[in-house]
Amino acid sequence: MRDTYVYPAVFDYEEDGIAISFVDLPGCLSCAKNDEEALHNAKEALGLYLYGLEIDGELIPAPTPFKAVTCGDRQTAVLVEVFMPVVRQAASIASVKKTLTIPAWLDALAEQHHVNFSQVLQQALKDLLGSDRPA
């Protein structure tokens, strides 16, 4: 795993916005309304796509050299850089929805006391596991 990746993206300018694709990463797509948003969305898409490959243990392909990227009339090649430690950290602290089952009497009592179930479960898991932050 590397900390930084740089891949060429193609910004395809259409009448209704910009379609973003990556030469070496099929399925890594995004879109935007303007150039600033396109660059932001391209970085986000690239980071999440590469993070998915890392998590799945898949091979991360080498980027095509920028000078080898060809574009059509309404397209522009852009180098997109992503710093993976930030992406990995954000993904590790993202909230995940869990469904749980408790007895009806306990649910009613907790509701009467305005218990925040998510907060209680998080604290109980942290106490049980002896951890207050992601590994």
N, C-alpha and C. Protein backbone atom coordinates (compact mmCIF):
# COMPACT_ATOMS: atom_id res chain seq x y z
N MET A 1 0.85 -1.19 0.00
CA MET A 1 0.00 0.00 0.00
C MET A 1 0.88 1.24 0.00
N ARG A 2 0.52 2.15 -0.83
CA ARG A 2 1.25 3.41 -0.92
C ARG A 2 0.44 4.51 -0.26
N ASP A 3 1.12 5.57 0.10
CA ASP A 3 0.43 6.73 0.68
C ASP A 3 -0.17 7.64 -0.37
N THR A 4 0.51 7.77 -1.51
CA THR A 4 0.05 8.69 -2.55
C THR A 4 -0.05 7.98 -3.88
N TYR A 5 -1.12 8.25 -4.58
CA TYR A 5 -1.32 7.74 -5.93
C TYR A 5 -1.66 8.92 -6.84
N VAL A 6 -1.21 8.85 -8.08
CA VAL A 6 -1.54 9.86 -9.08
C VAL A 6 -1.98 9.12 -10.34
N TYR A 7 -3.19 9.39 -10.78
CA TYR A 7 -3.74 8.74 -11.97
C TYR A 7 -4.30 9.78 -12.93
N PRO A 8 -4.20 9.50 -14.22
CA PRO A 8 -4.84 10.40 -15.19
C PRO A 8 -6.34 10.15 -15.25
N ALA A 9 -7.06 11.24 -15.26
CA ALA A 9 -8.51 11.19 -15.43
C ALA A 9 -8.85 11.92 -16.72
N VAL A 10 -9.98 11.61 -17.26
CA VAL A 10 -10.48 12.33 -18.43
C VAL A 10 -11.75 13.05 -18.03
N PHE A 11 -11.74 14.36 -18.21
CA PHE A 11 -12.93 15.18 -17.99
C PHE A 11 -13.59 15.35 -19.34
N ASP A 12 -14.81 14.85 -19.44
CA ASP A 12 -15.58 14.90 -20.68
C ASP A 12 -16.65 15.97 -20.52
N TYR A 13 -16.50 17.08 -21.25
CA TYR A 13 -17.40 18.23 -21.12
C TYR A 13 -18.64 18.04 -21.98
N GLU A 14 -19.76 17.88 -21.31
CA GLU A 14 -21.05 17.73 -21.97
C GLU A 14 -21.88 18.98 -21.70
N GLU A 15 -23.01 19.11 -22.35
CA GLU A 15 -23.87 20.28 -22.16
C GLU A 15 -24.41 20.38 -20.73
N ASP A 16 -24.62 19.23 -20.09
CA ASP A 16 -25.21 19.23 -18.75
C ASP A 16 -24.18 19.05 -17.63
N GLY A 17 -22.89 19.08 -17.96
CA GLY A 17 -21.87 18.96 -16.92
C GLY A 17 -20.64 18.22 -17.40
N ILE A 18 -19.86 17.75 -16.46
CA ILE A 18 -18.60 17.08 -16.75
C ILE A 18 -18.67 15.63 -16.27
N ALA A 19 -18.41 14.72 -17.19
CA ALA A 19 -18.32 13.30 -16.83
C ALA A 19 -16.84 12.99 -16.58
N ILE A 20 -16.57 12.27 -15.50
CA ILE A 20 -15.19 12.00 -15.11
C ILE A 20 -14.96 10.50 -15.15
N SER A 21 -13.87 10.09 -15.81
CA SER A 21 -13.48 8.68 -15.84
C SER A 21 -11.97 8.58 -15.68
N PHE A 22 -11.53 7.40 -15.29
CA PHE A 22 -10.10 7.16 -15.11
C PHE A 22 -9.65 6.11 -16.11
N VAL A 23 -8.59 6.43 -16.84
CA VAL A 23 -8.08 5.59 -17.92
C VAL A 23 -7.81 4.16 -17.44
N ASP A 24 -7.23 4.00 -16.27
CA ASP A 24 -6.78 2.70 -15.79
C ASP A 24 -7.73 2.01 -14.82
N LEU A 25 -8.81 2.67 -14.47
CA LEU A 25 -9.69 2.15 -13.41
C LEU A 25 -11.13 2.07 -13.90
N PRO A 26 -11.47 0.99 -14.60
CA PRO A 26 -12.84 0.87 -15.11
C PRO A 26 -13.85 0.87 -13.97
N GLY A 27 -14.88 1.64 -14.11
CA GLY A 27 -15.90 1.74 -13.08
C GLY A 27 -15.64 2.85 -12.08
N CYS A 28 -14.49 3.48 -12.15
CA CYS A 28 -14.20 4.63 -11.28
C CYS A 28 -14.68 5.87 -12.02
N LEU A 29 -15.90 6.27 -11.71
CA LEU A 29 -16.58 7.33 -12.45
C LEU A 29 -17.15 8.37 -11.49
N SER A 30 -17.30 9.57 -12.00
CA SER A 30 -17.97 10.62 -11.24
C SER A 30 -18.49 11.65 -12.23
N CYS A 31 -19.07 12.71 -11.71
CA CYS A 31 -19.55 13.79 -12.56
C CYS A 31 -19.54 15.08 -11.75
N ALA A 32 -19.70 16.18 -12.44
CA ALA A 32 -19.66 17.48 -11.78
C ALA A 32 -20.29 18.55 -12.66
N LYS A 33 -20.52 19.71 -12.06
CA LYS A 33 -21.11 20.82 -12.78
C LYS A 33 -20.06 21.78 -13.33
N ASN A 34 -18.88 21.85 -12.66
CA ASN A 34 -17.82 22.77 -13.10
C ASN A 34 -16.46 22.14 -12.80
N ASP A 35 -15.40 22.81 -13.24
CA ASP A 35 -14.05 22.27 -13.09
C ASP A 35 -13.64 22.06 -11.63
N GLU A 36 -13.95 23.01 -10.78
CA GLU A 36 -13.58 22.90 -9.36
C GLU A 36 -14.25 21.68 -8.72
N GLU A 37 -15.54 21.54 -8.97
CA GLU A 37 -16.26 20.39 -8.43
C GLU A 37 -15.76 19.09 -9.06
N ALA A 38 -15.40 19.14 -10.34
CA ALA A 38 -14.90 17.95 -11.03
C ALA A 38 -13.60 17.46 -10.41
N LEU A 39 -12.70 18.36 -10.10
CA LEU A 39 -11.44 17.96 -9.48
C LEU A 39 -11.68 17.38 -8.08
N HIS A 40 -12.54 18.02 -7.32
CA HIS A 40 -12.89 17.51 -5.99
C HIS A 40 -13.51 16.12 -6.08
N ASN A 41 -14.49 15.96 -6.96
CA ASN A 41 -15.18 14.67 -7.11
C ASN A 41 -14.26 13.59 -7.66
N ALA A 42 -13.33 13.98 -8.53
CA ALA A 42 -12.37 13.02 -9.08
C ALA A 42 -11.46 12.49 -7.97
N LYS A 43 -11.00 13.38 -7.10
CA LYS A 43 -10.14 12.95 -5.99
C LYS A 43 -10.90 12.01 -5.05
N GLU A 44 -12.13 12.36 -4.76
CA GLU A 44 -12.95 11.52 -3.88
C GLU A 44 -13.19 10.15 -4.51
N ALA A 45 -13.57 10.13 -5.77
CA ALA A 45 -13.83 8.86 -6.46
C ALA A 45 -12.57 8.00 -6.52
N LEU A 46 -11.44 8.62 -6.84
CA LEU A 46 -10.18 7.89 -6.92
C LEU A 46 -9.81 7.29 -5.57
N GLY A 47 -9.91 8.08 -4.52
CA GLY A 47 -9.57 7.60 -3.18
C GLY A 47 -10.43 6.43 -2.76
N LEU A 48 -11.74 6.54 -2.95
CA LEU A 48 -12.65 5.46 -2.54
C LEU A 48 -12.46 4.20 -3.39
N TYR A 49 -12.21 4.40 -4.66
CA TYR A 49 -11.99 3.25 -5.55
C TYR A 49 -10.72 2.49 -5.14
N LEU A 50 -9.63 3.22 -4.92
CA LEU A 50 -8.37 2.59 -4.53
C LEU A 50 -8.48 1.96 -3.14
N TYR A 51 -9.19 2.60 -2.25
CA TYR A 51 -9.41 2.04 -0.91
C TYR A 51 -10.16 0.70 -1.03
N GLY A 52 -11.15 0.64 -1.89
CA GLY A 52 -11.88 -0.60 -2.12
C GLY A 52 -10.97 -1.70 -2.64
N LEU A 53 -10.07 -1.35 -3.56
CA LEU A 53 -9.12 -2.34 -4.07
C LEU A 53 -8.20 -2.82 -2.95
N GLU A 54 -7.74 -1.90 -2.11
CA GLU A 54 -6.88 -2.27 -0.99
C GLU A 54 -7.60 -3.23 -0.04
N ILE A 55 -8.81 -2.87 0.35
CA ILE A 55 -9.58 -3.68 1.29
C ILE A 55 -9.85 -5.08 0.72
N ASP A 56 -10.12 -5.15 -0.57
CA ASP A 56 -10.42 -6.43 -1.21
C ASP A 56 -9.16 -7.22 -1.56
N GLY A 57 -7.99 -6.62 -1.32
CA GLY A 57 -6.72 -7.30 -1.62
C GLY A 57 -6.47 -7.45 -3.11
N GLU A 58 -7.06 -6.56 -3.89
CA GLU A 58 -6.89 -6.65 -5.34
C GLU A 58 -5.68 -5.85 -5.79
N LEU A 59 -5.18 -6.20 -6.96
CA LEU A 59 -4.04 -5.52 -7.55
C LEU A 59 -4.42 -4.10 -7.94
N ILE A 60 -3.58 -3.16 -7.58
CA ILE A 60 -3.79 -1.77 -7.98
C ILE A 60 -2.95 -1.54 -9.23
N PRO A 61 -3.59 -1.27 -10.37
CA PRO A 61 -2.84 -1.15 -11.62
C PRO A 61 -1.94 0.09 -11.65
N ALA A 62 -0.88 -0.02 -12.41
CA ALA A 62 0.01 1.13 -12.60
C ALA A 62 -0.72 2.15 -13.46
N PRO A 63 -0.52 3.44 -13.17
CA PRO A 63 -1.18 4.46 -13.99
C PRO A 63 -0.54 4.59 -15.37
N THR A 64 -1.35 4.87 -16.34
CA THR A 64 -0.86 5.16 -17.69
C THR A 64 -0.06 6.45 -17.65
N PRO A 65 1.08 6.51 -18.32
CA PRO A 65 1.82 7.78 -18.36
C PRO A 65 0.94 8.89 -18.94
N PHE A 66 1.02 10.06 -18.32
CA PHE A 66 0.14 11.17 -18.71
C PHE A 66 0.26 11.50 -20.18
N LYS A 67 1.48 11.47 -20.72
CA LYS A 67 1.68 11.83 -22.12
C LYS A 67 1.04 10.83 -23.08
N ALA A 68 0.69 9.64 -22.59
CA ALA A 68 0.07 8.62 -23.43
C ALA A 68 -1.46 8.71 -23.46
N VAL A 69 -2.02 9.60 -22.65
CA VAL A 69 -3.48 9.73 -22.59
C VAL A 69 -3.96 10.55 -23.78
N THR A 70 -4.90 9.99 -24.52
CA THR A 70 -5.48 10.72 -25.65
C THR A 70 -6.90 11.14 -25.31
N CYS A 71 -7.27 12.29 -25.83
CA CYS A 71 -8.60 12.85 -25.54
C CYS A 71 -9.30 13.25 -26.81
N GLY A 72 -10.63 13.25 -26.73
CA GLY A 72 -11.46 13.71 -27.83
C GLY A 72 -11.60 15.23 -27.82
N ASP A 73 -12.45 15.73 -28.69
CA ASP A 73 -12.63 17.17 -28.86
C ASP A 73 -13.08 17.89 -27.59
N ARG A 74 -14.01 17.31 -26.87
CA ARG A 74 -14.56 17.97 -25.68
C ARG A 74 -14.02 17.35 -24.40
N GLN A 75 -12.83 16.80 -24.47
CA GLN A 75 -12.23 16.14 -23.31
C GLN A 75 -10.90 16.78 -22.94
N THR A 76 -10.56 16.67 -21.66
CA THR A 76 -9.28 17.14 -21.15
C THR A 76 -8.74 16.10 -20.18
N ALA A 77 -7.45 15.80 -20.31
CA ALA A 77 -6.80 14.90 -19.37
C ALA A 77 -6.33 15.71 -18.16
N VAL A 78 -6.51 15.14 -16.98
CA VAL A 78 -6.14 15.80 -15.73
C VAL A 78 -5.46 14.77 -14.85
N LEU A 79 -4.34 15.16 -14.22
CA LEU A 79 -3.71 14.28 -13.25
C LEU A 79 -4.39 14.49 -11.91
N VAL A 80 -4.82 13.40 -11.30
CA VAL A 80 -5.51 13.47 -10.02
C VAL A 80 -4.66 12.75 -8.98
N GLU A 81 -4.37 13.46 -7.88
CA GLU A 81 -3.56 12.89 -6.81
C GLU A 81 -4.43 12.67 -5.58
N VAL A 82 -4.20 11.55 -4.91
CA VAL A 82 -4.94 11.26 -3.70
C VAL A 82 -3.96 10.80 -2.62
N PHE A 83 -4.15 11.32 -1.41
CA PHE A 83 -3.32 10.97 -0.26
C PHE A 83 -4.12 9.97 0.56
N MET A 84 -3.73 8.70 0.49
CA MET A 84 -4.52 7.60 1.03
C MET A 84 -4.65 7.57 2.56
N PRO A 85 -3.67 8.01 3.35
CA PRO A 85 -3.89 7.99 4.80
C PRO A 85 -5.15 8.74 5.23
N VAL A 86 -5.45 9.83 4.55
CA VAL A 86 -6.66 10.59 4.87
C VAL A 86 -7.90 9.79 4.48
N VAL A 87 -7.86 9.15 3.32
CA VAL A 87 -8.99 8.33 2.86
C VAL A 87 -9.21 7.15 3.80
N ARG A 88 -8.12 6.47 4.16
CA ARG A 88 -8.22 5.31 5.06
C ARG A 88 -8.78 5.72 6.42
N GLN A 89 -8.31 6.85 6.94
CA GLN A 89 -8.79 7.31 8.25
C GLN A 89 -10.28 7.64 8.20
N ALA A 90 -10.69 8.35 7.17
CA ALA A 90 -12.11 8.71 7.03
C ALA A 90 -12.97 7.46 6.92
N ALA A 91 -12.51 6.47 6.18
CA ALA A 91 -13.28 5.24 6.01
C ALA A 91 -13.35 4.45 7.32
N SER A 92 -12.31 4.52 8.11
CA SER A 92 -12.29 3.73 9.35
C SER A 92 -13.22 4.29 10.42
N ILE A 93 -13.53 5.58 10.35
CA ILE A 93 -14.40 6.17 11.36
C ILE A 93 -15.82 6.42 10.86
N ALA A 94 -16.08 6.01 9.63
CA ALA A 94 -17.43 6.18 9.08
C ALA A 94 -18.42 5.35 9.90
N SER A 95 -19.59 5.88 10.08
CA SER A 95 -20.62 5.16 10.83
C SER A 95 -21.21 4.03 9.99
N VAL A 96 -21.51 2.94 10.67
CA VAL A 96 -22.10 1.78 10.03
C VAL A 96 -23.41 1.46 10.75
N LYS A 97 -24.47 1.27 9.99
CA LYS A 97 -25.77 0.98 10.59
C LYS A 97 -25.82 -0.50 10.99
N LYS A 98 -26.24 -0.76 12.23
CA LYS A 98 -26.39 -2.12 12.73
C LYS A 98 -27.82 -2.28 13.25
N THR A 99 -28.36 -3.45 13.07
CA THR A 99 -29.68 -3.78 13.60
C THR A 99 -29.47 -4.68 14.80
N LEU A 100 -30.20 -4.39 15.87
CA LEU A 100 -30.07 -5.23 17.06
C LEU A 100 -31.44 -5.61 17.58
N THR A 101 -31.44 -6.61 18.44
CA THR A 101 -32.68 -7.09 19.02
C THR A 101 -32.56 -7.05 20.54
N ILE A 102 -33.56 -6.45 21.19
CA ILE A 102 -33.60 -6.42 22.65
C ILE A 102 -35.03 -6.76 23.08
N PRO A 103 -35.21 -7.20 24.32
CA PRO A 103 -36.57 -7.51 24.80
C PRO A 103 -37.45 -6.25 24.79
N ALA A 104 -38.72 -6.44 24.55
CA ALA A 104 -39.67 -5.32 24.46
C ALA A 104 -39.70 -4.50 25.74
N TRP A 105 -39.64 -5.17 26.91
CA TRP A 105 -39.70 -4.44 28.18
C TRP A 105 -38.50 -3.51 28.34
N LEU A 106 -37.31 -3.97 27.83
CA LEU A 106 -36.10 -3.17 27.94
C LEU A 106 -36.16 -1.98 26.98
N ASP A 107 -36.73 -2.20 25.82
CA ASP A 107 -36.90 -1.12 24.85
C ASP A 107 -37.83 -0.05 25.42
N ALA A 108 -38.95 -0.47 26.01
CA ALA A 108 -39.90 0.49 26.59
C ALA A 108 -39.26 1.29 27.72
N LEU A 109 -38.51 0.61 28.59
CA LEU A 109 -37.86 1.30 29.70
C LEU A 109 -36.80 2.29 29.20
N ALA A 110 -36.03 1.88 28.23
CA ALA A 110 -35.01 2.77 27.66
C ALA A 110 -35.65 3.98 27.00
N GLU A 111 -36.74 3.77 26.28
CA GLU A 111 -37.46 4.88 25.65
C GLU A 111 -37.97 5.86 26.70
N GLN A 112 -38.50 5.33 27.82
CA GLN A 112 -38.99 6.21 28.90
C GLN A 112 -37.88 7.09 29.45
N HIS A 113 -36.67 6.58 29.44
CA HIS A 113 -35.53 7.32 29.97
C HIS A 113 -34.74 8.06 28.88
N HIS A 114 -35.32 8.14 27.69
CA HIS A 114 -34.72 8.85 26.55
C HIS A 114 -33.29 8.41 26.28
N VAL A 115 -33.09 7.10 26.28
CA VAL A 115 -31.76 6.53 26.03
C VAL A 115 -31.42 6.62 24.55
N ASN A 116 -30.21 7.08 24.26
CA ASN A 116 -29.70 7.09 22.90
C ASN A 116 -29.04 5.73 22.67
N PHE A 117 -29.70 4.85 21.94
CA PHE A 117 -29.23 3.48 21.77
C PHE A 117 -27.85 3.42 21.11
N SER A 118 -27.63 4.24 20.10
CA SER A 118 -26.34 4.23 19.41
C SER A 118 -25.21 4.62 20.36
N GLN A 119 -25.45 5.64 21.13
CA GLN A 119 -24.43 6.11 22.07
C GLN A 119 -24.11 5.04 23.12
N VAL A 120 -25.13 4.41 23.66
CA VAL A 120 -24.94 3.38 24.69
C VAL A 120 -24.19 2.17 24.11
N LEU A 121 -24.58 1.73 22.92
CA LEU A 121 -23.92 0.59 22.31
C LEU A 121 -22.46 0.90 22.00
N GLN A 122 -22.20 2.09 21.47
CA GLN A 122 -20.82 2.48 21.18
C GLN A 122 -19.97 2.47 22.44
N GLN A 123 -20.48 3.06 23.51
CA GLN A 123 -19.72 3.11 24.75
C GLN A 123 -19.51 1.72 25.33
N ALA A 124 -20.53 0.89 25.28
CA ALA A 124 -20.41 -0.48 25.80
C ALA A 124 -19.37 -1.28 25.01
N LEU A 125 -19.36 -1.12 23.69
CA LEU A 125 -18.37 -1.83 22.86
C LEU A 125 -16.96 -1.32 23.13
N LYS A 126 -16.81 -0.01 23.29
CA LYS A 126 -15.49 0.55 23.60
C LYS A 126 -14.99 0.02 24.94
N ASP A 127 -15.88 -0.02 25.93
CA ASP A 127 -15.50 -0.54 27.26
C ASP A 127 -15.14 -2.03 27.18
N LEU A 128 -15.96 -2.80 26.49
CA LEU A 128 -15.73 -4.24 26.37
C LEU A 128 -14.42 -4.55 25.67
N LEU A 129 -14.14 -3.78 24.61
CA LEU A 129 -12.97 -4.05 23.79
C LEU A 129 -11.73 -3.29 24.25
N GLY A 130 -11.91 -2.39 25.21
CA GLY A 130 -10.77 -1.63 25.72
C GLY A 130 -10.18 -0.69 24.69
N SER A 131 -11.02 -0.11 23.89
CA SER A 131 -10.54 0.78 22.83
C SER A 131 -11.45 1.98 22.71
N ASP A 132 -10.84 3.13 22.45
CA ASP A 132 -11.63 4.35 22.29
C ASP A 132 -11.49 4.94 20.89
N ARG A 133 -10.74 4.25 20.04
CA ARG A 133 -10.56 4.76 18.68
C ARG A 133 -10.26 3.62 17.73
N PRO A 134 -10.36 3.91 16.43
CA PRO A 134 -10.10 2.87 15.44
C PRO A 134 -8.66 2.40 15.46
N ALA A 135 -8.48 1.15 15.10
CA ALA A 135 -7.13 0.58 15.05
C ALA A 135 -6.35 1.12 13.88
